[in-house]
C-alpha cells in the first residue's frame, strides 16, 4: 500500500516483550486502537530475525530483554541500513534519566509508561504515521525549498534521527556539529536558516551556543530550536532567557516539531 494512504489499521507492528502475559496485554491495547497486524518477539535476537524477514512499520519494545536492552535493540537497528528507518516505541516502567536518555538519543516516536493511557497510545500511533509519511498539506504549508539547517548534537544517532524527521518535512540541506564549539566556525562561514541543537553536550553546550549566536554571531537572529531530554526547569529557563526560539523534548516527535517550525517560520515571516 502507498505510504500516502496508510492508516493505523494498516500498520504492521512488532511487539518485543519477554513476558507472554505483558505481550498479550499490550497486543490487546493495540488491537483496541484498530491495529490489525501484530507480531510478537520475546527477545532481541528473535526481533531482529523477524525484522530481517518482514520489516514492520513500528517496533514496540520493553527496555529490559533477556539477551539485550531495548536501547541496544534500537541502536542495532539504527546501524543496519535495512532497519534504521523503522520507527521505534518504548513501553517501560523505568523512569531513571540515565536509563532512558540513551534511547531518546537513538530516536524514538514515543516512550510510554506501564501502564499507559489509551490516548497516549493513539498519539504515538499518529506520530508513527506522521513519521512514515507527513501530511501533504503540512509539507506544502511549510515551504522549505533551499532551507539550510545546522544540527548540533554529540550523539550521531540523534543527529541522524533529527535529520530523518526534517527530511520528511521537505528539508534536504544539512550540516552537522558534535557540540557548540564545533558549530561556531560553521556558523561563521555558512548561512543557516535554522539551528537545531541539543542542550547537554561536552565542551560547549546548547545554552552556551545559543548565547554565542545571540550575542556574538553575525547571524544573531537565526531561529534556534533546542531538542533536549533535560528536565531541570531552572536550567531550561536559563536557556529560554538566552534566546532559543523553542524547546522540544526528546523524543523528537514530528507533530510537535511541525508546530514549533510553524511558529518559528511565522515569526520570521517566511
C-alpha atoms as a PDB file:
ATOM      1  CA  UNK A   1       0.000   0.000   0.000  1.00  0.00           C
ATOM      2  CA  UNK A   2       1.138   3.552  -0.795  1.00  0.00           C
ATOM      3  CA  UNK A   3       2.504   5.195   2.374  1.00  0.00           C
ATOM      4  CA  UNK A   4       0.410   8.256   1.496  1.00  0.00           C
ATOM      5  CA  UNK A   5      -2.742   6.286   2.291  1.00  0.00           C
ATOM      6  CA  UNK A   6      -1.584   4.482   5.443  1.00  0.00           C
ATOM      7  CA  UNK A   7      -3.914   4.448   8.422  1.00  0.00           C
ATOM      8  CA  UNK A   8      -3.477   2.976  11.905  1.00  0.00           C
ATOM      9  CA  UNK A   9      -5.295  -0.178  10.818  1.00  0.00           C
ATOM     10  CA  UNK A  10      -2.730  -0.678   8.026  1.00  0.00           C
ATOM     11  CA  UNK A  11       0.298  -0.629  10.339  1.00  0.00           C
ATOM     12  CA  UNK A  12       2.365  -3.775  10.805  1.00  0.00           C
ATOM     13  CA  UNK A  13       3.692  -3.770  14.365  1.00  0.00           C
ATOM     14  CA  UNK A  14       6.311  -5.889  16.093  1.00  0.00           C
ATOM     15  CA  UNK A  15       5.983  -6.099  19.898  1.00  0.00           C
ATOM     16  CA  UNK A  16       9.174  -7.123  21.724  1.00  0.00           C
ATOM     17  CA  UNK A  17       8.270  -8.183  25.267  1.00  0.00           C
ATOM     18  CA  UNK A  18       9.795 -11.028  27.329  1.00  0.00           C
ATOM     19  CA  UNK A  19       6.632 -11.637  29.337  1.00  0.00           C
ATOM     20  CA  UNK A  20       3.918 -13.550  27.455  1.00  0.00           C
ATOM     21  CA  UNK A  21       1.269 -12.053  29.735  1.00  0.00           C
ATOM     22  CA  UNK A  22       2.501  -8.484  29.207  1.00  0.00           C
ATOM     23  CA  UNK A  23       2.810  -9.089  25.460  1.00  0.00           C
ATOM     24  CA  UNK A  24      -0.845 -10.162  25.287  1.00  0.00           C
ATOM     25  CA  UNK A  25      -1.942  -7.120  27.293  1.00  0.00           C
ATOM     26  CA  UNK A  26      -0.008  -4.758  25.022  1.00  0.00           C
ATOM     27  CA  UNK A  27      -1.311  -6.579  21.947  1.00  0.00           C
ATOM     28  CA  UNK A  28      -4.872  -6.175  23.203  1.00  0.00           C
ATOM     29  CA  UNK A  29      -4.406  -2.426  23.731  1.00  0.00           C
ATOM     30  CA  UNK A  30      -3.064  -2.039  20.202  1.00  0.00           C
ATOM     31  CA  UNK A  31      -5.982  -4.035  18.832  1.00  0.00           C
ATOM     32  CA  UNK A  32      -8.314  -1.683  20.704  1.00  0.00           C
ATOM     33  CA  UNK A  33      -6.602   1.129  18.757  1.00  0.00           C
ATOM     34  CA  UNK A  34      -7.554  -0.672  15.487  1.00  0.00           C
ATOM     35  CA  UNK A  35      -4.121  -2.165  14.766  1.00  0.00           C
ATOM     36  CA  UNK A  36      -4.769  -5.404  12.883  1.00  0.00           C
ATOM     37  CA  UNK A  37      -1.331  -6.841  12.086  1.00  0.00           C
ATOM     38  CA  UNK A  38       0.830  -7.617  15.132  1.00  0.00           C
ATOM     39  CA  UNK A  39       3.851  -9.872  15.573  1.00  0.00           C
ATOM     40  CA  UNK A  40       5.403 -10.740  18.938  1.00  0.00           C
ATOM     41  CA  UNK A  41       9.037 -11.454  19.818  1.00  0.00           C
ATOM     42  CA  UNK A  42      10.259 -12.315  23.306  1.00  0.00           C
ATOM     43  CA  UNK A  43      13.907 -11.299  22.933  1.00  0.00           C
ATOM     44  CA  UNK A  44      16.147  -9.099  20.833  1.00  0.00           C
ATOM     45  CA  UNK A  45      17.540 -11.851  18.602  1.00  0.00           C
ATOM     46  CA  UNK A  46      14.060 -13.053  17.701  1.00  0.00           C
ATOM     47  CA  UNK A  47      13.008  -9.476  16.967  1.00  0.00           C
ATOM     48  CA  UNK A  48      15.987  -8.908  14.658  1.00  0.00           C
ATOM     49  CA  UNK A  49      15.224 -12.120  12.779  1.00  0.00           C
ATOM     50  CA  UNK A  50      11.581 -11.139  12.278  1.00  0.00           C
ATOM     51  CA  UNK A  51      12.599  -7.661  11.101  1.00  0.00           C
ATOM     52  CA  UNK A  52      15.054  -9.149   8.607  1.00  0.00           C
ATOM     53  CA  UNK A  53      12.339 -11.358   7.095  1.00  0.00           C
ATOM     54  CA  UNK A  54       9.471  -8.884   7.188  1.00  0.00           C
ATOM     55  CA  UNK A  55      10.280  -5.291   8.248  1.00  0.00           C
ATOM     56  CA  UNK A  56       7.423  -3.862  10.350  1.00  0.00           C
ATOM     57  CA  UNK A  57       6.136  -0.302  10.270  1.00  0.00           C
ATOM     58  CA  UNK A  58       6.797   0.077  14.002  1.00  0.00           C
ATOM     59  CA  UNK A  59       8.767  -1.758  16.690  1.00  0.00           C
ATOM     60  CA  UNK A  60       7.352  -1.569  20.217  1.00  0.00           C
ATOM     61  CA  UNK A  61       9.785  -2.823  22.829  1.00  0.00           C
ATOM     62  CA  UNK A  62      10.299  -3.232  26.549  1.00  0.00           C
ATOM     63  CA  UNK A  63      13.512  -1.796  27.974  1.00  0.00           C
ATOM     64  CA  UNK A  64      14.815  -4.982  29.559  1.00  0.00           C
ATOM     65  CA  UNK A  65      15.006  -8.085  27.363  1.00  0.00           C
ATOM     66  CA  UNK A  66      16.645 -11.451  28.121  1.00  0.00           C
ATOM     67  CA  UNK A  67      19.531 -11.000  25.683  1.00  0.00           C
ATOM     68  CA  UNK A  68      19.867  -7.217  25.380  1.00  0.00           C
ATOM     69  CA  UNK A  69      18.212  -3.964  26.375  1.00  0.00           C
ATOM     70  CA  UNK A  70      15.705  -2.023  24.328  1.00  0.00           C
ATOM     71  CA  UNK A  71      18.427   0.602  23.949  1.00  0.00           C
ATOM     72  CA  UNK A  72      20.775  -1.955  22.408  1.00  0.00           C
ATOM     73  CA  UNK A  73      17.983  -3.158  20.149  1.00  0.00           C
ATOM     74  CA  UNK A  74      17.223   0.273  18.725  1.00  0.00           C
ATOM     75  CA  UNK A  75      20.935   1.083  18.408  1.00  0.00           C
ATOM     76  CA  UNK A  76      21.434  -2.153  16.452  1.00  0.00           C
ATOM     77  CA  UNK A  77      18.524  -1.191  14.211  1.00  0.00           C
ATOM     78  CA  UNK A  78      19.923   2.304  13.632  1.00  0.00           C
ATOM     79  CA  UNK A  79      23.230   0.805  12.499  1.00  0.00           C
ATOM     80  CA  UNK A  80      21.566  -1.523   9.971  1.00  0.00           C
ATOM     81  CA  UNK A  81      20.711   0.082   6.626  1.00  0.00           C
ATOM     82  CA  UNK A  82      17.667  -2.182   6.247  1.00  0.00           C
ATOM     83  CA  UNK A  83      16.209  -1.317   9.660  1.00  0.00           C
ATOM     84  CA  UNK A  84      17.496   2.151  10.512  1.00  0.00           C
ATOM     85  CA  UNK A  85      14.356   3.965   9.370  1.00  0.00           C
ATOM     86  CA  UNK A  86      11.856   1.763  11.233  1.00  0.00           C
ATOM     87  CA  UNK A  87      10.089   3.818  13.936  1.00  0.00           C
ATOM     88  CA  UNK A  88      10.700   2.611  17.489  1.00  0.00           C
ATOM     89  CA  UNK A  89       8.487   2.952  20.582  1.00  0.00           C
ATOM     90  CA  UNK A  90       9.476   2.096  24.146  1.00  0.00           C
ATOM     91  CA  UNK A  91       6.989   0.838  26.736  1.00  0.00           C
ATOM     92  CA  UNK A  92       8.579   0.682  30.173  1.00  0.00           C
ATOM     93  CA  UNK A  93       8.014   1.441  33.840  1.00  0.00           C
ATOM     94  CA  UNK A  94      11.603   2.723  34.016  1.00  0.00           C
ATOM     95  CA  UNK A  95      11.825   6.402  34.977  1.00  0.00           C
ATOM     96  CA  UNK A  96      15.570   6.910  35.616  1.00  0.00           C
ATOM     97  CA  UNK A  97      17.020   9.603  33.347  1.00  0.00           C
ATOM     98  CA  UNK A  98      20.299   7.737  32.812  1.00  0.00           C
ATOM     99  CA  UNK A  99      18.413   4.662  31.564  1.00  0.00           C
ATOM    100  CA  UNK A 100      16.011   6.494  29.260  1.00  0.00           C
ATOM    101  CA  UNK A 101      18.308   9.168  27.827  1.00  0.00           C
ATOM    102  CA  UNK A 102      20.319   6.822  25.539  1.00  0.00           C
ATOM    103  CA  UNK A 103      17.133   5.529  23.948  1.00  0.00           C
ATOM    104  CA  UNK A 104      15.884   9.087  23.445  1.00  0.00           C
ATOM    105  CA  UNK A 105      19.171   9.908  21.735  1.00  0.00           C
ATOM    106  CA  UNK A 106      18.742   6.974  19.350  1.00  0.00           C
ATOM    107  CA  UNK A 107      15.437   8.387  18.131  1.00  0.00           C
ATOM    108  CA  UNK A 108      12.017   7.089  19.157  1.00  0.00           C
ATOM    109  CA  UNK A 109       8.466   8.072  18.230  1.00  0.00           C
ATOM    110  CA  UNK A 110       7.296   7.726  21.846  1.00  0.00           C
ATOM    111  CA  UNK A 111       8.157   6.494  25.325  1.00  0.00           C
ATOM    112  CA  UNK A 112       5.078   5.165  27.111  1.00  0.00           C
ATOM    113  CA  UNK A 113       4.888   4.076  30.754  1.00  0.00           C
ATOM    114  CA  UNK A 114       3.463   0.835  32.089  1.00  0.00           C
ATOM    115  CA  UNK A 115       0.502   1.052  32.269  1.00  0.00           C
ATOM    116  CA  UNK A 116      -0.080   3.599  29.509  1.00  0.00           C
ATOM    117  CA  UNK A 117      -3.144   5.690  28.754  1.00  0.00           C
ATOM    118  CA  UNK A 118      -5.079   4.837  25.608  1.00  0.00           C
ATOM    119  CA  UNK A 119      -4.952   8.489  24.475  1.00  0.00           C
ATOM    120  CA  UNK A 120      -1.139   8.434  24.679  1.00  0.00           C
ATOM    121  CA  UNK A 121      -1.058   5.244  22.612  1.00  0.00           C
ATOM    122  CA  UNK A 122      -3.218   6.808  19.902  1.00  0.00           C
ATOM    123  CA  UNK A 123      -0.996   9.881  19.848  1.00  0.00           C
ATOM    124  CA  UNK A 124       2.080   7.671  19.492  1.00  0.00           C
ATOM    125  CA  UNK A 125       0.464   5.786  16.611  1.00  0.00           C
ATOM    126  CA  UNK A 126      -0.415   9.023  14.827  1.00  0.00           C
ATOM    127  CA  UNK A 127       3.189  10.151  15.367  1.00  0.00           C
ATOM    128  CA  UNK A 128       4.269   6.925  13.705  1.00  0.00           C
ATOM    129  CA  UNK A 129       2.054   7.608  10.691  1.00  0.00           C
ATOM    130  CA  UNK A 130       3.360  11.166  10.575  1.00  0.00           C
ATOM    131  CA  UNK A 131       6.930   9.907  10.695  1.00  0.00           C
ATOM    132  CA  UNK A 132       6.324   7.409   7.888  1.00  0.00           C
ATOM    133  CA  UNK A 133       4.523   9.939   5.747  1.00  0.00           C
ATOM    134  CA  UNK A 134       3.867  13.508   6.898  1.00  0.00           C
ATOM    135  CA  UNK A 135       0.634  15.171   5.859  1.00  0.00           C
ATOM    136  CA  UNK A 136       0.985  16.563   2.355  1.00  0.00           C
ATOM    137  CA  UNK A 137      -0.917  19.708   3.341  1.00  0.00           C
ATOM    138  CA  UNK A 138       1.532  20.364   6.176  1.00  0.00           C
ATOM    139  CA  UNK A 139       4.511  19.898   3.878  1.00  0.00           C
ATOM    140  CA  UNK A 140       3.021  22.288   1.337  1.00  0.00           C
ATOM    141  CA  UNK A 141       2.172  24.820   4.033  1.00  0.00           C
ATOM    142  CA  UNK A 142       5.795  24.877   5.211  1.00  0.00           C
ATOM    143  CA  UNK A 143       7.845  25.662   2.124  1.00  0.00           C
ATOM    144  CA  UNK A 144      11.417  24.691   2.929  1.00  0.00           C
ATOM    145  CA  UNK A 145      12.842  24.961  -0.563  1.00  0.00           C
ATOM    146  CA  UNK A 146      16.502  25.999  -0.201  1.00  0.00           C
ATOM    147  CA  UNK A 147      16.332  25.737   3.597  1.00  0.00           C
ATOM    148  CA  UNK A 148      19.751  25.082   5.215  1.00  0.00           C
ATOM    149  CA  UNK A 149      19.840  23.582   8.726  1.00  0.00           C
ATOM    150  CA  UNK A 150      22.666  23.085  11.218  1.00  0.00           C
ATOM    151  CA  UNK A 151      22.127  20.084  13.514  1.00  0.00           C
ATOM    152  CA  UNK A 152      24.235  20.141  16.696  1.00  0.00           C
ATOM    153  CA  UNK A 153      24.258  17.051  18.917  1.00  0.00           C
ATOM    154  CA  UNK A 154      27.003  14.876  20.386  1.00  0.00           C
ATOM    155  CA  UNK A 155      25.009  11.738  19.513  1.00  0.00           C
ATOM    156  CA  UNK A 156      25.391  10.602  15.893  1.00  0.00           C
ATOM    157  CA  UNK A 157      22.126   8.654  16.180  1.00  0.00           C
ATOM    158  CA  UNK A 158      20.290  11.717  17.459  1.00  0.00           C
ATOM    159  CA  UNK A 159      21.631  13.821  14.583  1.00  0.00           C
ATOM    160  CA  UNK A 160      20.528  11.175  12.088  1.00  0.00           C
ATOM    161  CA  UNK A 161      17.058  10.904  13.648  1.00  0.00           C
ATOM    162  CA  UNK A 162      16.562  14.686  13.666  1.00  0.00           C
ATOM    163  CA  UNK A 163      17.550  14.902  10.018  1.00  0.00           C
ATOM    164  CA  UNK A 164      15.299  11.975   9.121  1.00  0.00           C
ATOM    165  CA  UNK A 165      12.281  13.742  10.647  1.00  0.00           C
ATOM    166  CA  UNK A 166      13.120  17.060   8.999  1.00  0.00           C
ATOM    167  CA  UNK A 167      13.679  15.403   5.614  1.00  0.00           C
ATOM    168  CA  UNK A 168      10.118  14.083   5.821  1.00  0.00           C
ATOM    169  CA  UNK A 169       9.043  17.729   6.001  1.00  0.00           C
ATOM    170  CA  UNK A 170      10.892  18.643   2.826  1.00  0.00           C
ATOM    171  CA  UNK A 171      14.195  19.904   4.250  1.00  0.00           C
ATOM    172  CA  UNK A 172      17.185  18.462   2.404  1.00  0.00           C
ATOM    173  CA  UNK A 173      20.225  20.616   3.183  1.00  0.00           C
ATOM    174  CA  UNK A 174      22.070  19.907   6.452  1.00  0.00           C
ATOM    175  CA  UNK A 175      25.400  20.375   8.170  1.00  0.00           C
ATOM    176  CA  UNK A 176      26.362  18.726  11.456  1.00  0.00           C
ATOM    177  CA  UNK A 177      28.411  19.514  14.561  1.00  0.00           C
ATOM    178  CA  UNK A 178      29.016  17.415  17.670  1.00  0.00           C
ATOM    179  CA  UNK A 179      28.924  20.368  20.094  1.00  0.00           C
ATOM    180  CA  UNK A 180      28.741  24.139  20.254  1.00  0.00           C
ATOM    181  CA  UNK A 181      32.486  24.565  19.864  1.00  0.00           C
ATOM    182  CA  UNK A 182      32.457  22.698  16.560  1.00  0.00           C
ATOM    183  CA  UNK A 183      29.326  24.578  15.456  1.00  0.00           C
ATOM    184  CA  UNK A 184      30.812  28.076  15.821  1.00  0.00           C
ATOM    185  CA  UNK A 185      33.126  28.010  12.755  1.00  0.00           C
ATOM    186  CA  UNK A 186      30.297  26.516  10.689  1.00  0.00           C
ATOM    187  CA  UNK A 187      28.032  29.382  11.736  1.00  0.00           C
ATOM    188  CA  UNK A 188      30.733  31.933  10.951  1.00  0.00           C
ATOM    189  CA  UNK A 189      31.388  30.521   7.472  1.00  0.00           C
ATOM    190  CA  UNK A 190      27.903  29.481   6.328  1.00  0.00           C
ATOM    191  CA  UNK A 191      24.406  30.920   6.268  1.00  0.00           C
ATOM    192  CA  UNK A 192      21.805  28.814   8.062  1.00  0.00           C
ATOM    193  CA  UNK A 193      18.040  29.198   8.136  1.00  0.00           C
ATOM    194  CA  UNK A 194      17.680  27.156  11.336  1.00  0.00           C
ATOM    195  CA  UNK A 195      19.836  25.664  14.094  1.00  0.00           C
ATOM    196  CA  UNK A 196      18.580  22.522  15.842  1.00  0.00           C
ATOM    197  CA  UNK A 197      20.700  21.823  18.896  1.00  0.00           C
ATOM    198  CA  UNK A 198      20.885  19.519  21.884  1.00  0.00           C
ATOM    199  CA  UNK A 199      21.336  21.036  25.337  1.00  0.00           C
ATOM    200  CA  UNK A 200      23.732  18.657  27.111  1.00  0.00           C
ATOM    201  CA  UNK A 201      26.954  18.437  25.081  1.00  0.00           C
ATOM    202  CA  UNK A 202      30.653  18.345  26.009  1.00  0.00           C
ATOM    203  CA  UNK A 203      32.960  21.388  25.696  1.00  0.00           C
ATOM    204  CA  UNK A 204      30.153  23.799  24.775  1.00  0.00           C
ATOM    205  CA  UNK A 205      26.509  23.031  25.490  1.00  0.00           C
ATOM    206  CA  UNK A 206      23.370  24.260  23.760  1.00  0.00           C
ATOM    207  CA  UNK A 207      22.844  27.129  26.187  1.00  0.00           C
ATOM    208  CA  UNK A 208      26.340  28.456  25.598  1.00  0.00           C
ATOM    209  CA  UNK A 209      25.921  28.048  21.848  1.00  0.00           C
ATOM    210  CA  UNK A 210      22.646  29.976  21.944  1.00  0.00           C
ATOM    211  CA  UNK A 211      24.236  32.833  23.890  1.00  0.00           C
ATOM    212  CA  UNK A 212      27.124  32.933  21.398  1.00  0.00           C
ATOM    213  CA  UNK A 213      24.758  33.135  18.428  1.00  0.00           C
ATOM    214  CA  UNK A 214      22.617  35.851  20.004  1.00  0.00           C
ATOM    215  CA  UNK A 215      25.481  37.972  21.343  1.00  0.00           C
ATOM    216  CA  UNK A 216      28.478  37.435  19.048  1.00  0.00           C
ATOM    217  CA  UNK A 217      27.394  35.911  15.753  1.00  0.00           C
ATOM    218  CA  UNK A 218      26.654  37.813  12.563  1.00  0.00           C
ATOM    219  CA  UNK A 219      23.532  35.622  12.334  1.00  0.00           C
ATOM    220  CA  UNK A 220      22.148  36.705  15.690  1.00  0.00           C
ATOM    221  CA  UNK A 221      18.508  36.431  14.634  1.00  0.00           C
ATOM    222  CA  UNK A 222      18.648  32.874  13.290  1.00  0.00           C
ATOM    223  CA  UNK A 223      15.880  30.629  14.734  1.00  0.00           C
ATOM    224  CA  UNK A 224      17.218  28.094  17.249  1.00  0.00           C
ATOM    225  CA  UNK A 225      15.216  25.004  18.171  1.00  0.00           C
ATOM    226  CA  UNK A 226      16.578  23.158  21.187  1.00  0.00           C
ATOM    227  CA  UNK A 227      15.829  19.435  21.325  1.00  0.00           C
ATOM    228  CA  UNK A 228      16.660  18.002  24.717  1.00  0.00           C
ATOM    229  CA  UNK A 229      15.920  15.377  27.339  1.00  0.00           C
ATOM    230  CA  UNK A 230      16.936  17.853  30.055  1.00  0.00           C
ATOM    231  CA  UNK A 231      14.297  18.022  32.811  1.00  0.00           C
ATOM    232  CA  UNK A 232      15.773  20.671  35.107  1.00  0.00           C
ATOM    233  CA  UNK A 233      13.310  23.564  34.828  1.00  0.00           C
ATOM    234  CA  UNK A 234      15.767  26.117  36.189  1.00  0.00           C
ATOM    235  CA  UNK A 235      18.361  25.228  33.567  1.00  0.00           C
ATOM    236  CA  UNK A 236      15.755  25.267  30.799  1.00  0.00           C
ATOM    237  CA  UNK A 237      14.514  28.663  31.974  1.00  0.00           C
ATOM    238  CA  UNK A 238      18.061  29.991  31.649  1.00  0.00           C
ATOM    239  CA  UNK A 239      18.237  28.606  28.107  1.00  0.00           C
ATOM    240  CA  UNK A 240      14.968  30.305  27.201  1.00  0.00           C
ATOM    241  CA  UNK A 241      16.348  33.581  28.500  1.00  0.00           C
ATOM    242  CA  UNK A 242      19.430  33.057  26.346  1.00  0.00           C
ATOM    243  CA  UNK A 243      17.190  33.319  23.316  1.00  0.00           C
ATOM    244  CA  UNK A 244      16.079  29.953  21.923  1.00  0.00           C
ATOM    245  CA  UNK A 245      13.101  30.100  19.589  1.00  0.00           C
ATOM    246  CA  UNK A 246      11.638  26.890  21.001  1.00  0.00           C
ATOM    247  CA  UNK A 247      12.422  23.919  23.236  1.00  0.00           C
ATOM    248  CA  UNK A 248      11.321  20.470  22.097  1.00  0.00           C
ATOM    249  CA  UNK A 249      11.527  17.354  24.235  1.00  0.00           C
ATOM    250  CA  UNK A 250      13.183  14.158  23.111  1.00  0.00           C
ATOM    251  CA  UNK A 251      11.634  12.028  21.616  1.00  0.00           C
ATOM    252  CA  UNK A 252      11.686  14.312  18.558  1.00  0.00           C
ATOM    253  CA  UNK A 253       8.024  13.936  17.577  1.00  0.00           C
ATOM    254  CA  UNK A 254       7.035  15.040  14.053  1.00  0.00           C
ATOM    255  CA  UNK A 255       3.769  16.757  15.028  1.00  0.00           C
ATOM    256  CA  UNK A 256       5.455  18.711  17.838  1.00  0.00           C
ATOM    257  CA  UNK A 257       8.323  19.718  15.570  1.00  0.00           C
ATOM    258  CA  UNK A 258       5.925  20.902  12.864  1.00  0.00           C
ATOM    259  CA  UNK A 259       4.135  23.083  15.404  1.00  0.00           C
ATOM    260  CA  UNK A 260       7.416  24.649  16.507  1.00  0.00           C
ATOM    261  CA  UNK A 261       8.542  25.195  12.931  1.00  0.00           C
ATOM    262  CA  UNK A 262       5.226  26.822  12.012  1.00  0.00           C
ATOM    263  CA  UNK A 263       5.639  29.246  14.915  1.00  0.00           C
ATOM    264  CA  UNK A 264       9.271  29.931  14.065  1.00  0.00           C
ATOM    265  CA  UNK A 265       8.508  30.488  10.392  1.00  0.00           C
ATOM    266  CA  UNK A 266       5.614  32.794  11.272  1.00  0.00           C
ATOM    267  CA  UNK A 267       7.930  34.852  13.458  1.00  0.00           C
ATOM    268  CA  UNK A 268      10.416  35.352  10.619  1.00  0.00           C
ATOM    269  CA  UNK A 269       7.600  35.780   8.049  1.00  0.00           C
ATOM    270  CA  UNK A 270       8.882  33.144   5.653  1.00  0.00           C
END
